[in-house]
C-alpha atoms as a PDB file:
ATOM      1  CA  UNK A   1      -7.757  -3.018  -5.385  1.00  0.00           C
ATOM      2  CA  UNK A   2      -8.273   0.088  -7.489  1.00  0.00           C
ATOM      3  CA  UNK A   3      -8.988   3.385  -5.847  1.00  0.00           C
ATOM      4  CA  UNK A   4     -12.242   5.053  -6.926  1.00  0.00           C
ATOM      5  CA  UNK A   5     -10.199   7.778  -8.690  1.00  0.00           C
ATOM      6  CA  UNK A   6      -8.072   5.268 -10.614  1.00  0.00           C
ATOM      7  CA  UNK A   7     -11.175   3.297 -11.588  1.00  0.00           C
ATOM      8  CA  UNK A   8     -12.732   6.526 -12.898  1.00  0.00           C
ATOM      9  CA  UNK A   9      -9.581   7.290 -14.928  1.00  0.00           C
ATOM     10  CA  UNK A  10      -9.454   3.755 -16.377  1.00  0.00           C
ATOM     11  CA  UNK A  11     -13.141   3.895 -17.303  1.00  0.00           C
ATOM     12  CA  UNK A  12     -12.631   7.222 -19.064  1.00  0.00           C
ATOM     13  CA  UNK A  13      -9.636   5.788 -20.910  1.00  0.00           C
ATOM     14  CA  UNK A  14     -11.661   2.761 -21.986  1.00  0.00           C
ATOM     15  CA  UNK A  15     -14.545   4.918 -23.236  1.00  0.00           C
ATOM     16  CA  UNK A  16     -12.172   6.946 -25.411  1.00  0.00           C
ATOM     17  CA  UNK A  17      -9.859   4.169 -26.649  1.00  0.00           C
ATOM     18  CA  UNK A  18     -12.283   1.202 -26.672  1.00  0.00           C
ATOM     19  CA  UNK A  19      -9.512  -1.413 -26.614  1.00  0.00           C
ATOM     20  CA  UNK A  20     -10.664  -4.772 -27.920  1.00  0.00           C
ATOM     21  CA  UNK A  21      -8.311  -7.488 -26.685  1.00  0.00           C
ATOM     22  CA  UNK A  22      -6.127  -5.694 -24.134  1.00  0.00           C
ATOM     23  CA  UNK A  23      -6.777  -2.744 -21.849  1.00  0.00           C
ATOM     24  CA  UNK A  24      -3.301  -1.500 -22.746  1.00  0.00           C
ATOM     25  CA  UNK A  25      -2.591  -2.729 -26.271  1.00  0.00           C
ATOM     26  CA  UNK A  26       0.892  -2.743 -27.718  1.00  0.00           C
ATOM     27  CA  UNK A  27       2.171  -1.420 -31.017  1.00  0.00           C
ATOM     28  CA  UNK A  28       1.433  -4.736 -32.726  1.00  0.00           C
ATOM     29  CA  UNK A  29      -2.214  -5.475 -33.430  1.00  0.00           C
ATOM     30  CA  UNK A  30      -3.723  -7.930 -30.959  1.00  0.00           C
ATOM     31  CA  UNK A  31      -0.701  -7.837 -28.630  1.00  0.00           C
ATOM     32  CA  UNK A  32      -0.453  -6.336 -25.125  1.00  0.00           C
ATOM     33  CA  UNK A  33       1.872  -3.497 -24.195  1.00  0.00           C
ATOM     34  CA  UNK A  34       5.464  -4.709 -23.976  1.00  0.00           C
ATOM     35  CA  UNK A  35       7.733  -4.735 -20.958  1.00  0.00           C
ATOM     36  CA  UNK A  36      10.028  -2.293 -22.746  1.00  0.00           C
ATOM     37  CA  UNK A  37       7.146   0.120 -23.283  1.00  0.00           C
ATOM     38  CA  UNK A  38       6.272  -0.050 -19.581  1.00  0.00           C
ATOM     39  CA  UNK A  39       9.927   0.536 -18.627  1.00  0.00           C
ATOM     40  CA  UNK A  40      10.038   3.496 -21.004  1.00  0.00           C
ATOM     41  CA  UNK A  41       6.852   4.964 -19.471  1.00  0.00           C
ATOM     42  CA  UNK A  42       8.353   4.587 -15.976  1.00  0.00           C
ATOM     43  CA  UNK A  43      11.580   6.293 -17.090  1.00  0.00           C
ATOM     44  CA  UNK A  44       9.602   9.151 -18.610  1.00  0.00           C
ATOM     45  CA  UNK A  45       7.498   9.515 -15.444  1.00  0.00           C
ATOM     46  CA  UNK A  46      10.702   9.502 -13.378  1.00  0.00           C
ATOM     47  CA  UNK A  47      12.237  12.252 -15.507  1.00  0.00           C
ATOM     48  CA  UNK A  48       9.098  14.381 -15.264  1.00  0.00           C
ATOM     49  CA  UNK A  49       8.675  13.821 -11.535  1.00  0.00           C
ATOM     50  CA  UNK A  50      12.063  15.018 -10.401  1.00  0.00           C
ATOM     51  CA  UNK A  51      12.211  12.176  -7.872  1.00  0.00           C
ATOM     52  CA  UNK A  52      15.644  11.052  -6.757  1.00  0.00           C
ATOM     53  CA  UNK A  53      14.592   7.448  -6.106  1.00  0.00           C
ATOM     54  CA  UNK A  54      14.162   5.089  -9.078  1.00  0.00           C
ATOM     55  CA  UNK A  55      10.797   4.639 -10.752  1.00  0.00           C
ATOM     56  CA  UNK A  56      10.864   1.222 -12.397  1.00  0.00           C
ATOM     57  CA  UNK A  57       8.312  -1.564 -12.719  1.00  0.00           C
ATOM     58  CA  UNK A  58      10.296  -3.413 -10.043  1.00  0.00           C
ATOM     59  CA  UNK A  59      10.352  -0.462  -7.623  1.00  0.00           C
ATOM     60  CA  UNK A  60       6.586   0.026  -8.084  1.00  0.00           C
ATOM     61  CA  UNK A  61       5.991  -3.678  -7.476  1.00  0.00           C
ATOM     62  CA  UNK A  62       8.171  -3.558  -4.368  1.00  0.00           C
ATOM     63  CA  UNK A  63       6.404  -0.449  -3.026  1.00  0.00           C
ATOM     64  CA  UNK A  64       3.006  -2.092  -3.597  1.00  0.00           C
ATOM     65  CA  UNK A  65       4.113  -5.177  -1.657  1.00  0.00           C
ATOM     66  CA  UNK A  66       5.497  -3.077   1.204  1.00  0.00           C
ATOM     67  CA  UNK A  67       2.275  -1.049   1.448  1.00  0.00           C
ATOM     68  CA  UNK A  68       0.233  -4.248   1.548  1.00  0.00           C
ATOM     69  CA  UNK A  69       2.482  -5.708   4.244  1.00  0.00           C
ATOM     70  CA  UNK A  70       2.309  -2.510   6.306  1.00  0.00           C
ATOM     71  CA  UNK A  71      -1.498  -2.569   5.959  1.00  0.00           C
ATOM     72  CA  UNK A  72      -1.559  -6.030   7.527  1.00  0.00           C
ATOM     73  CA  UNK A  73      -1.812  -8.295   4.483  1.00  0.00           C
ATOM     74  CA  UNK A  74      -0.295 -11.728   4.968  1.00  0.00           C
ATOM     75  CA  UNK A  75       2.656 -12.799   2.846  1.00  0.00           C
ATOM     76  CA  UNK A  76       0.674 -15.473   0.987  1.00  0.00           C
ATOM     77  CA  UNK A  77      -1.939 -12.925  -0.113  1.00  0.00           C
ATOM     78  CA  UNK A  78       0.807 -10.585  -1.286  1.00  0.00           C
ATOM     79  CA  UNK A  79       2.399 -13.413  -3.268  1.00  0.00           C
ATOM     80  CA  UNK A  80      -0.925 -14.161  -4.935  1.00  0.00           C
ATOM     81  CA  UNK A  81      -1.604 -10.508  -5.755  1.00  0.00           C
ATOM     82  CA  UNK A  82       1.848 -10.064  -7.220  1.00  0.00           C
ATOM     83  CA  UNK A  83       1.666 -13.302  -9.155  1.00  0.00           C
ATOM     84  CA  UNK A  84       4.902 -14.496  -7.604  1.00  0.00           C
ATOM     85  CA  UNK A  85       6.415 -17.467  -9.391  1.00  0.00           C
ATOM     86  CA  UNK A  86       8.367 -18.443  -6.300  1.00  0.00           C
ATOM     87  CA  UNK A  87       5.630 -19.288  -3.853  1.00  0.00           C
ATOM     88  CA  UNK A  88       4.770 -22.521  -2.160  1.00  0.00           C
ATOM     89  CA  UNK A  89       1.268 -24.035  -2.293  1.00  0.00           C
END
């Protein structure tokens, strides 16, 4: 579900950084980026953007789900894509 532009950016990032275990490694060797680091990146992006609405991992997740729903995706597919823990089989 990556746009061609985002895929190009991620490939360029990978070529430069060459991460071994995680595409976005954390500060600790062998560990992924932390939730706090992602929240911090969102807060920084919000400050730089000048947007009045919040930019948080939750708001991005919600916007993604809404866009999928508006594009005609069914709720079960959205649950699977979001990795919802509260879905029924």
